Amino acid sequence: MKKRINLKTMLIAFSLAFTCLTTTAFAVPNDSVALGDLTEGKILFDINLSTPESLPLYLNVIKETYDGIEAQGVTPDFVIAFRGPAVSFITYAASDAALETQIVTLAGLNGVRFEACSVATRLFGIDNADILADINVVGNTFISAAGFGSSTKGYATVTIM
């Protein structure tokens, strides 16, 4: 004897399966677990690259991070600090128009600050006046990292090497 499938039961099963698929396979990824009840996303990006080729990529990812945090209802508060050989990539002589545009764009966002380490500029023979205008030359980015990462300021550090 052939078993008849109830059309109503089949539609309910199909609806449940479709709902499960659309809520899991097509869900937009988010960071709600990590962000929790944060109102500010405080990040110090510690850039210590030894070659300039990947700097534009990382600046794009930092911009995407800014946009992603903001889209999730958290106010971005970023410090982008250059140290070591990376200071040599952010001079008027070494940078190109595309890199300068990326830096100007990021620097123009609310809550973004750029820093360059004067210890590194001295060690790598770079005149502080040659650092791009949107980047503040500070005494020592190790000190910046300690200060921004302190319990009173609470920045997370993301190291880019």
N, C-alpha and C. Protein backbone atom coordinates (compact mmCIF):
# COMPACT_ATOMS: atom_id res chain seq x y z
N MET A 1 0.82 -1.17 0.00
CA MET A 1 0.00 0.00 0.00
C MET A 1 0.88 1.24 0.00
N LYS A 2 0.57 2.14 -0.89
CA LYS A 2 1.33 3.35 -1.03
C LYS A 2 0.93 4.35 0.04
N LYS A 3 1.95 4.97 0.67
CA LYS A 3 1.69 5.95 1.70
C LYS A 3 1.52 7.31 1.05
N ARG A 4 0.46 8.01 1.43
CA ARG A 4 0.21 9.35 0.88
C ARG A 4 0.87 10.40 1.76
N ILE A 5 1.50 11.32 1.13
CA ILE A 5 2.13 12.42 1.85
C ILE A 5 1.15 13.58 1.90
N ASN A 6 0.92 14.02 3.09
CA ASN A 6 0.02 15.13 3.32
C ASN A 6 0.67 16.40 2.78
N LEU A 7 0.00 17.13 1.92
CA LEU A 7 0.53 18.36 1.33
C LEU A 7 0.85 19.40 2.39
N LYS A 8 0.03 19.52 3.40
CA LYS A 8 0.26 20.49 4.47
C LYS A 8 1.55 20.14 5.23
N THR A 9 1.76 18.87 5.54
CA THR A 9 2.97 18.42 6.23
C THR A 9 4.20 18.70 5.39
N MET A 10 4.09 18.44 4.10
CA MET A 10 5.21 18.68 3.20
C MET A 10 5.56 20.18 3.14
N LEU A 11 4.57 21.04 3.07
CA LEU A 11 4.80 22.49 3.04
C LEU A 11 5.44 22.98 4.32
N ILE A 12 5.00 22.45 5.45
CA ILE A 12 5.60 22.83 6.74
C ILE A 12 7.06 22.39 6.79
N ALA A 13 7.34 21.18 6.38
CA ALA A 13 8.72 20.67 6.38
C ALA A 13 9.60 21.51 5.46
N PHE A 14 9.08 21.83 4.28
CA PHE A 14 9.83 22.65 3.33
C PHE A 14 10.09 24.03 3.92
N SER A 15 9.09 24.63 4.55
CA SER A 15 9.25 25.96 5.16
C SER A 15 10.30 25.95 6.25
N LEU A 16 10.27 24.93 7.10
CA LEU A 16 11.26 24.82 8.16
C LEU A 16 12.67 24.66 7.59
N ALA A 17 12.82 23.82 6.61
CA ALA A 17 14.12 23.60 5.98
C ALA A 17 14.63 24.89 5.33
N PHE A 18 13.75 25.59 4.63
CA PHE A 18 14.13 26.84 3.98
C PHE A 18 14.54 27.89 5.01
N THR A 19 13.79 27.97 6.10
CA THR A 19 14.11 28.93 7.17
C THR A 19 15.47 28.62 7.77
N CYS A 20 15.75 27.36 8.03
CA CYS A 20 17.05 26.98 8.58
C CYS A 20 18.18 27.33 7.62
N LEU A 21 17.99 27.05 6.36
CA LEU A 21 19.02 27.37 5.38
C LEU A 21 19.25 28.86 5.26
N THR A 22 18.21 29.63 5.19
CA THR A 22 18.38 31.08 4.99
C THR A 22 18.92 31.77 6.22
N THR A 23 18.65 31.26 7.41
CA THR A 23 19.16 31.93 8.61
C THR A 23 20.58 31.52 8.93
N THR A 24 21.06 30.40 8.41
CA THR A 24 22.42 30.00 8.68
C THR A 24 23.33 30.23 7.48
N ALA A 25 22.97 29.72 6.34
CA ALA A 25 23.84 29.82 5.17
C ALA A 25 23.91 31.23 4.61
N PHE A 26 22.86 32.01 4.78
CA PHE A 26 22.83 33.34 4.19
C PHE A 26 22.87 34.45 5.23
N ALA A 27 23.16 34.11 6.47
CA ALA A 27 23.24 35.12 7.52
C ALA A 27 24.44 36.02 7.28
N VAL A 28 24.29 37.28 7.56
CA VAL A 28 25.40 38.22 7.41
C VAL A 28 26.33 38.05 8.60
N PRO A 29 27.60 37.78 8.36
CA PRO A 29 28.53 37.63 9.48
C PRO A 29 28.61 38.93 10.28
N ASN A 30 28.72 38.79 11.59
CA ASN A 30 28.88 39.96 12.43
C ASN A 30 29.79 39.62 13.60
N ASP A 31 30.07 40.62 14.40
CA ASP A 31 30.99 40.46 15.52
C ASP A 31 30.29 40.73 16.85
N SER A 32 29.00 40.44 16.91
CA SER A 32 28.21 40.79 18.08
C SER A 32 28.70 40.12 19.36
N VAL A 33 29.22 38.92 19.27
CA VAL A 33 29.72 38.24 20.47
C VAL A 33 30.94 38.99 21.01
N ALA A 34 31.86 39.34 20.15
CA ALA A 34 33.06 40.05 20.58
C ALA A 34 32.75 41.47 21.03
N LEU A 35 31.90 42.16 20.29
CA LEU A 35 31.61 43.56 20.61
C LEU A 35 30.70 43.69 21.82
N GLY A 36 29.80 42.73 22.00
CA GLY A 36 28.92 42.76 23.17
C GLY A 36 28.27 44.10 23.36
N ASP A 37 28.48 44.69 24.52
CA ASP A 37 27.87 45.98 24.83
C ASP A 37 28.84 47.14 24.68
N LEU A 38 29.92 46.94 23.93
CA LEU A 38 30.88 48.04 23.72
C LEU A 38 30.22 49.19 22.98
N THR A 39 30.60 50.39 23.35
CA THR A 39 30.14 51.57 22.62
C THR A 39 31.28 52.16 21.81
N GLU A 40 32.53 51.83 22.18
CA GLU A 40 33.72 52.31 21.46
C GLU A 40 34.61 51.14 21.10
N GLY A 41 35.12 51.15 19.86
CA GLY A 41 36.07 50.14 19.41
C GLY A 41 37.45 50.76 19.38
N LYS A 42 38.22 50.59 20.45
CA LYS A 42 39.54 51.21 20.59
C LYS A 42 40.62 50.23 20.14
N ILE A 43 41.27 50.58 19.05
CA ILE A 43 42.32 49.71 18.52
C ILE A 43 43.56 50.54 18.19
N LEU A 44 44.71 50.04 18.62
CA LEU A 44 46.01 50.58 18.21
C LEU A 44 46.57 49.61 17.18
N PHE A 45 46.71 50.08 15.95
CA PHE A 45 47.33 49.27 14.89
C PHE A 45 48.83 49.60 14.90
N ASP A 46 49.63 48.62 15.28
CA ASP A 46 51.08 48.76 15.42
C ASP A 46 51.72 48.26 14.13
N ILE A 47 52.05 49.20 13.24
CA ILE A 47 52.57 48.82 11.91
C ILE A 47 54.09 48.84 11.93
N ASN A 48 54.66 47.65 11.70
CA ASN A 48 56.11 47.48 11.69
C ASN A 48 56.50 46.60 10.50
N LEU A 49 56.09 47.04 9.33
CA LEU A 49 56.40 46.29 8.10
C LEU A 49 57.82 46.56 7.65
N SER A 50 58.44 45.57 7.03
CA SER A 50 59.80 45.78 6.53
C SER A 50 59.83 46.04 5.02
N THR A 51 58.71 45.77 4.33
CA THR A 51 58.62 46.08 2.90
C THR A 51 57.32 46.84 2.65
N PRO A 52 57.33 47.77 1.71
CA PRO A 52 56.17 48.64 1.52
C PRO A 52 55.00 48.04 0.73
N GLU A 53 55.21 46.92 0.04
CA GLU A 53 54.19 46.39 -0.87
C GLU A 53 52.86 46.09 -0.19
N SER A 54 52.88 45.63 1.04
CA SER A 54 51.62 45.23 1.68
C SER A 54 50.95 46.36 2.46
N LEU A 55 51.58 47.51 2.57
CA LEU A 55 50.99 48.61 3.32
C LEU A 55 49.62 49.05 2.77
N PRO A 56 49.46 49.23 1.46
CA PRO A 56 48.12 49.60 0.95
C PRO A 56 47.04 48.58 1.31
N LEU A 57 47.37 47.30 1.24
CA LEU A 57 46.42 46.25 1.60
C LEU A 57 45.98 46.41 3.06
N TYR A 58 46.95 46.57 3.96
CA TYR A 58 46.62 46.70 5.38
C TYR A 58 45.82 47.97 5.66
N LEU A 59 46.14 49.05 4.97
CA LEU A 59 45.35 50.28 5.16
C LEU A 59 43.91 50.07 4.69
N ASN A 60 43.73 49.30 3.62
CA ASN A 60 42.37 48.96 3.17
C ASN A 60 41.63 48.13 4.22
N VAL A 61 42.32 47.18 4.82
CA VAL A 61 41.70 46.34 5.84
C VAL A 61 41.37 47.17 7.08
N ILE A 62 42.22 48.12 7.43
CA ILE A 62 41.92 49.01 8.56
C ILE A 62 40.67 49.83 8.25
N LYS A 63 40.55 50.32 7.03
CA LYS A 63 39.34 51.08 6.63
C LYS A 63 38.11 50.17 6.70
N GLU A 64 38.24 48.95 6.23
CA GLU A 64 37.14 47.99 6.30
C GLU A 64 36.77 47.68 7.75
N THR A 65 37.78 47.60 8.61
CA THR A 65 37.54 47.38 10.04
C THR A 65 36.78 48.55 10.64
N TYR A 66 37.18 49.75 10.28
CA TYR A 66 36.49 50.97 10.73
C TYR A 66 35.02 50.91 10.31
N ASP A 67 34.78 50.64 9.04
CA ASP A 67 33.42 50.58 8.51
C ASP A 67 32.60 49.47 9.19
N GLY A 68 33.23 48.33 9.43
CA GLY A 68 32.54 47.20 10.05
C GLY A 68 32.16 47.48 11.49
N ILE A 69 33.05 48.09 12.23
CA ILE A 69 32.74 48.43 13.63
C ILE A 69 31.61 49.45 13.67
N GLU A 70 31.72 50.46 12.82
CA GLU A 70 30.70 51.51 12.78
C GLU A 70 29.33 50.95 12.38
N ALA A 71 29.32 50.05 11.40
CA ALA A 71 28.07 49.45 10.93
C ALA A 71 27.38 48.62 12.01
N GLN A 72 28.17 48.15 12.98
CA GLN A 72 27.61 47.35 14.07
C GLN A 72 27.28 48.19 15.30
N GLY A 73 27.23 49.52 15.11
CA GLY A 73 26.79 50.41 16.17
C GLY A 73 27.82 50.77 17.20
N VAL A 74 29.10 50.54 16.89
CA VAL A 74 30.19 50.86 17.81
C VAL A 74 31.00 52.00 17.19
N THR A 75 31.40 52.96 18.01
CA THR A 75 32.17 54.10 17.52
C THR A 75 33.65 53.73 17.42
N PRO A 76 34.25 53.81 16.22
CA PRO A 76 35.67 53.49 16.08
C PRO A 76 36.55 54.57 16.72
N ASP A 77 37.60 54.11 17.38
CA ASP A 77 38.62 54.99 17.95
C ASP A 77 39.96 54.31 17.68
N PHE A 78 40.60 54.71 16.58
CA PHE A 78 41.79 54.02 16.10
C PHE A 78 43.04 54.90 16.20
N VAL A 79 44.14 54.27 16.59
CA VAL A 79 45.47 54.86 16.48
C VAL A 79 46.23 53.97 15.52
N ILE A 80 46.78 54.56 14.47
CA ILE A 80 47.57 53.81 13.48
C ILE A 80 49.00 54.29 13.63
N ALA A 81 49.85 53.44 14.22
CA ALA A 81 51.21 53.83 14.59
C ALA A 81 52.23 53.11 13.72
N PHE A 82 53.14 53.88 13.16
CA PHE A 82 54.23 53.33 12.35
C PHE A 82 55.51 53.33 13.16
N ARG A 83 56.21 52.22 13.14
CA ARG A 83 57.50 52.14 13.82
C ARG A 83 58.45 51.29 12.99
N GLY A 84 59.68 51.24 13.42
CA GLY A 84 60.69 50.47 12.70
C GLY A 84 60.81 50.93 11.26
N PRO A 85 61.15 50.02 10.35
CA PRO A 85 61.36 50.41 8.95
C PRO A 85 60.10 50.96 8.28
N ALA A 86 58.94 50.73 8.86
CA ALA A 86 57.70 51.22 8.25
C ALA A 86 57.65 52.74 8.17
N VAL A 87 58.41 53.43 9.03
CA VAL A 87 58.41 54.90 8.96
C VAL A 87 58.97 55.40 7.63
N SER A 88 59.80 54.59 7.00
CA SER A 88 60.39 55.03 5.73
C SER A 88 59.40 54.98 4.57
N PHE A 89 58.24 54.34 4.75
CA PHE A 89 57.24 54.25 3.67
C PHE A 89 56.24 55.40 3.70
N ILE A 90 56.27 56.21 4.74
CA ILE A 90 55.26 57.26 4.92
C ILE A 90 55.87 58.65 4.82
N THR A 91 56.89 58.75 3.96
CA THR A 91 57.51 60.05 3.71
C THR A 91 57.02 60.57 2.36
N TYR A 92 57.20 61.87 2.18
CA TYR A 92 56.81 62.46 0.89
C TYR A 92 57.58 61.83 -0.26
N ALA A 93 58.84 61.50 -0.04
CA ALA A 93 59.67 60.94 -1.10
C ALA A 93 59.30 59.49 -1.43
N ALA A 94 58.95 58.71 -0.41
CA ALA A 94 58.73 57.28 -0.62
C ALA A 94 57.31 56.91 -1.02
N SER A 95 56.33 57.70 -0.63
CA SER A 95 54.94 57.32 -0.88
C SER A 95 54.50 57.75 -2.27
N ASP A 96 53.45 57.12 -2.75
CA ASP A 96 52.86 57.52 -4.03
C ASP A 96 51.50 58.15 -3.77
N ALA A 97 50.88 58.64 -4.81
CA ALA A 97 49.60 59.35 -4.67
C ALA A 97 48.51 58.44 -4.08
N ALA A 98 48.51 57.17 -4.46
CA ALA A 98 47.48 56.25 -3.97
C ALA A 98 47.62 56.04 -2.46
N LEU A 99 48.85 55.84 -1.98
CA LEU A 99 49.08 55.66 -0.56
C LEU A 99 48.72 56.94 0.21
N GLU A 100 49.12 58.07 -0.31
CA GLU A 100 48.79 59.34 0.34
C GLU A 100 47.28 59.53 0.41
N THR A 101 46.56 59.14 -0.64
CA THR A 101 45.10 59.25 -0.64
C THR A 101 44.50 58.35 0.44
N GLN A 102 45.02 57.14 0.58
CA GLN A 102 44.53 56.23 1.62
C GLN A 102 44.71 56.86 3.01
N ILE A 103 45.88 57.43 3.23
CA ILE A 103 46.17 58.02 4.54
C ILE A 103 45.29 59.24 4.78
N VAL A 104 45.14 60.09 3.79
CA VAL A 104 44.27 61.27 3.93
C VAL A 104 42.83 60.84 4.20
N THR A 105 42.37 59.81 3.50
CA THR A 105 41.00 59.32 3.70
C THR A 105 40.81 58.81 5.12
N LEU A 106 41.72 57.98 5.59
CA LEU A 106 41.62 57.46 6.95
C LEU A 106 41.74 58.57 7.99
N ALA A 107 42.69 59.47 7.78
CA ALA A 107 42.90 60.57 8.73
C ALA A 107 41.69 61.48 8.81
N GLY A 108 40.90 61.53 7.76
CA GLY A 108 39.71 62.37 7.74
C GLY A 108 38.51 61.77 8.45
N LEU A 109 38.61 60.52 8.86
CA LEU A 109 37.51 59.86 9.58
C LEU A 109 37.54 60.25 11.05
N ASN A 110 36.37 60.40 11.64
CA ASN A 110 36.29 60.69 13.08
C ASN A 110 36.89 59.53 13.85
N GLY A 111 37.76 59.85 14.79
CA GLY A 111 38.30 58.81 15.66
C GLY A 111 39.51 58.10 15.11
N VAL A 112 40.20 58.66 14.11
CA VAL A 112 41.42 58.04 13.58
C VAL A 112 42.59 59.00 13.77
N ARG A 113 43.65 58.47 14.35
CA ARG A 113 44.88 59.25 14.59
C ARG A 113 46.05 58.43 14.05
N PHE A 114 46.95 59.12 13.34
CA PHE A 114 48.18 58.48 12.85
C PHE A 114 49.37 58.94 13.68
N GLU A 115 50.30 58.03 13.92
CA GLU A 115 51.53 58.34 14.62
C GLU A 115 52.72 57.71 13.90
N ALA A 116 53.86 58.38 14.01
CA ALA A 116 55.13 57.83 13.54
C ALA A 116 56.13 57.97 14.68
N CYS A 117 56.95 56.99 14.86
CA CYS A 117 57.91 56.94 15.96
C CYS A 117 59.18 57.73 15.62
N SER A 118 59.50 58.71 16.48
CA SER A 118 60.71 59.51 16.22
C SER A 118 61.99 58.73 16.51
N VAL A 119 61.90 57.70 17.34
CA VAL A 119 63.07 56.83 17.54
C VAL A 119 63.38 56.14 16.22
N ALA A 120 62.36 55.63 15.55
CA ALA A 120 62.54 54.95 14.27
C ALA A 120 63.02 55.93 13.19
N THR A 121 62.44 57.13 13.15
CA THR A 121 62.89 58.09 12.12
C THR A 121 64.37 58.41 12.32
N ARG A 122 64.81 58.55 13.58
CA ARG A 122 66.22 58.82 13.86
C ARG A 122 67.08 57.63 13.43
N LEU A 123 66.67 56.42 13.83
CA LEU A 123 67.47 55.23 13.52
C LEU A 123 67.55 54.95 12.02
N PHE A 124 66.50 55.31 11.27
CA PHE A 124 66.48 55.05 9.83
C PHE A 124 66.85 56.29 9.01
N GLY A 125 67.33 57.33 9.69
CA GLY A 125 67.84 58.52 9.00
C GLY A 125 66.78 59.32 8.26
N ILE A 126 65.59 59.42 8.82
CA ILE A 126 64.49 60.14 8.17
C ILE A 126 64.25 61.44 8.92
N ASP A 127 64.19 62.52 8.18
CA ASP A 127 63.86 63.82 8.77
C ASP A 127 62.37 63.82 9.11
N ASN A 128 62.04 64.18 10.35
CA ASN A 128 60.63 64.20 10.78
C ASN A 128 59.78 65.11 9.90
N ALA A 129 60.37 66.13 9.32
CA ALA A 129 59.62 67.04 8.44
C ALA A 129 59.20 66.35 7.15
N ASP A 130 59.83 65.22 6.81
CA ASP A 130 59.49 64.48 5.60
C ASP A 130 58.32 63.50 5.77
N ILE A 131 57.87 63.32 7.01
CA ILE A 131 56.73 62.43 7.26
C ILE A 131 55.46 63.11 6.75
N LEU A 132 54.58 62.34 6.13
CA LEU A 132 53.35 62.89 5.55
C LEU A 132 52.57 63.72 6.59
N ALA A 133 51.93 64.76 6.11
CA ALA A 133 51.31 65.77 6.98
C ALA A 133 50.25 65.23 7.94
N ASP A 134 49.52 64.20 7.57
CA ASP A 134 48.45 63.68 8.43
C ASP A 134 48.95 62.74 9.52
N ILE A 135 50.27 62.57 9.59
CA ILE A 135 50.86 61.65 10.56
C ILE A 135 51.64 62.44 11.59
N ASN A 136 51.28 62.27 12.86
CA ASN A 136 51.93 62.96 13.97
C ASN A 136 53.18 62.21 14.38
N VAL A 137 54.31 62.90 14.42
CA VAL A 137 55.54 62.28 14.89
C VAL A 137 55.52 62.38 16.42
N VAL A 138 55.63 61.22 17.09
CA VAL A 138 55.63 61.16 18.54
C VAL A 138 57.00 60.72 19.04
N GLY A 139 57.23 60.88 20.32
CA GLY A 139 58.53 60.53 20.88
C GLY A 139 58.91 59.08 20.67
N ASN A 140 57.99 58.16 21.00
CA ASN A 140 58.31 56.75 20.96
C ASN A 140 57.00 55.96 20.91
N THR A 141 56.78 55.21 19.86
CA THR A 141 55.51 54.48 19.75
C THR A 141 55.42 53.30 20.72
N PHE A 142 56.53 52.86 21.30
CA PHE A 142 56.44 51.87 22.38
C PHE A 142 55.73 52.51 23.58
N ILE A 143 56.08 53.77 23.85
CA ILE A 143 55.42 54.49 24.94
C ILE A 143 53.95 54.72 24.59
N SER A 144 53.67 55.06 23.33
CA SER A 144 52.28 55.21 22.90
C SER A 144 51.50 53.92 23.13
N ALA A 145 52.10 52.79 22.74
CA ALA A 145 51.43 51.50 22.90
C ALA A 145 51.15 51.21 24.38
N ALA A 146 52.11 51.53 25.24
CA ALA A 146 51.90 51.33 26.67
C ALA A 146 50.78 52.23 27.18
N GLY A 147 50.79 53.47 26.77
CA GLY A 147 49.76 54.40 27.23
C GLY A 147 48.38 54.06 26.71
N PHE A 148 48.27 53.83 25.41
CA PHE A 148 46.97 53.51 24.83
C PHE A 148 46.45 52.16 25.32
N GLY A 149 47.35 51.24 25.59
CA GLY A 149 46.94 49.91 26.05
C GLY A 149 46.70 49.82 27.54
N SER A 150 46.97 50.89 28.27
CA SER A 150 46.78 50.87 29.72
C SER A 150 45.32 50.65 30.08
N SER A 151 45.11 50.26 31.32
CA SER A 151 43.74 49.98 31.77
C SER A 151 42.86 51.23 31.74
N THR A 152 43.45 52.40 31.84
CA THR A 152 42.63 53.61 31.81
C THR A 152 42.20 53.98 30.40
N LYS A 153 42.99 53.64 29.38
CA LYS A 153 42.61 53.96 28.00
C LYS A 153 42.02 52.75 27.28
N GLY A 154 42.52 51.55 27.53
CA GLY A 154 41.90 50.31 27.09
C GLY A 154 41.90 50.00 25.59
N TYR A 155 42.92 50.41 24.87
CA TYR A 155 43.00 50.06 23.44
C TYR A 155 43.53 48.65 23.29
N ALA A 156 42.97 47.89 22.34
CA ALA A 156 43.52 46.60 21.96
C ALA A 156 44.60 46.87 20.92
N THR A 157 45.68 46.11 20.96
CA THR A 157 46.75 46.29 19.98
C THR A 157 46.69 45.20 18.93
N VAL A 158 46.73 45.64 17.67
CA VAL A 158 46.81 44.73 16.54
C VAL A 158 48.16 44.99 15.88
N THR A 159 49.04 44.01 15.92
CA THR A 159 50.38 44.18 15.35
C THR A 159 50.38 43.74 13.91
N ILE A 160 50.92 44.60 13.04
CA ILE A 160 51.00 44.32 11.61
C ILE A 160 52.48 44.31 11.25
N MET A 161 52.99 43.11 10.93
CA MET A 161 54.42 42.96 10.62
C MET A 161 54.59 42.31 9.27
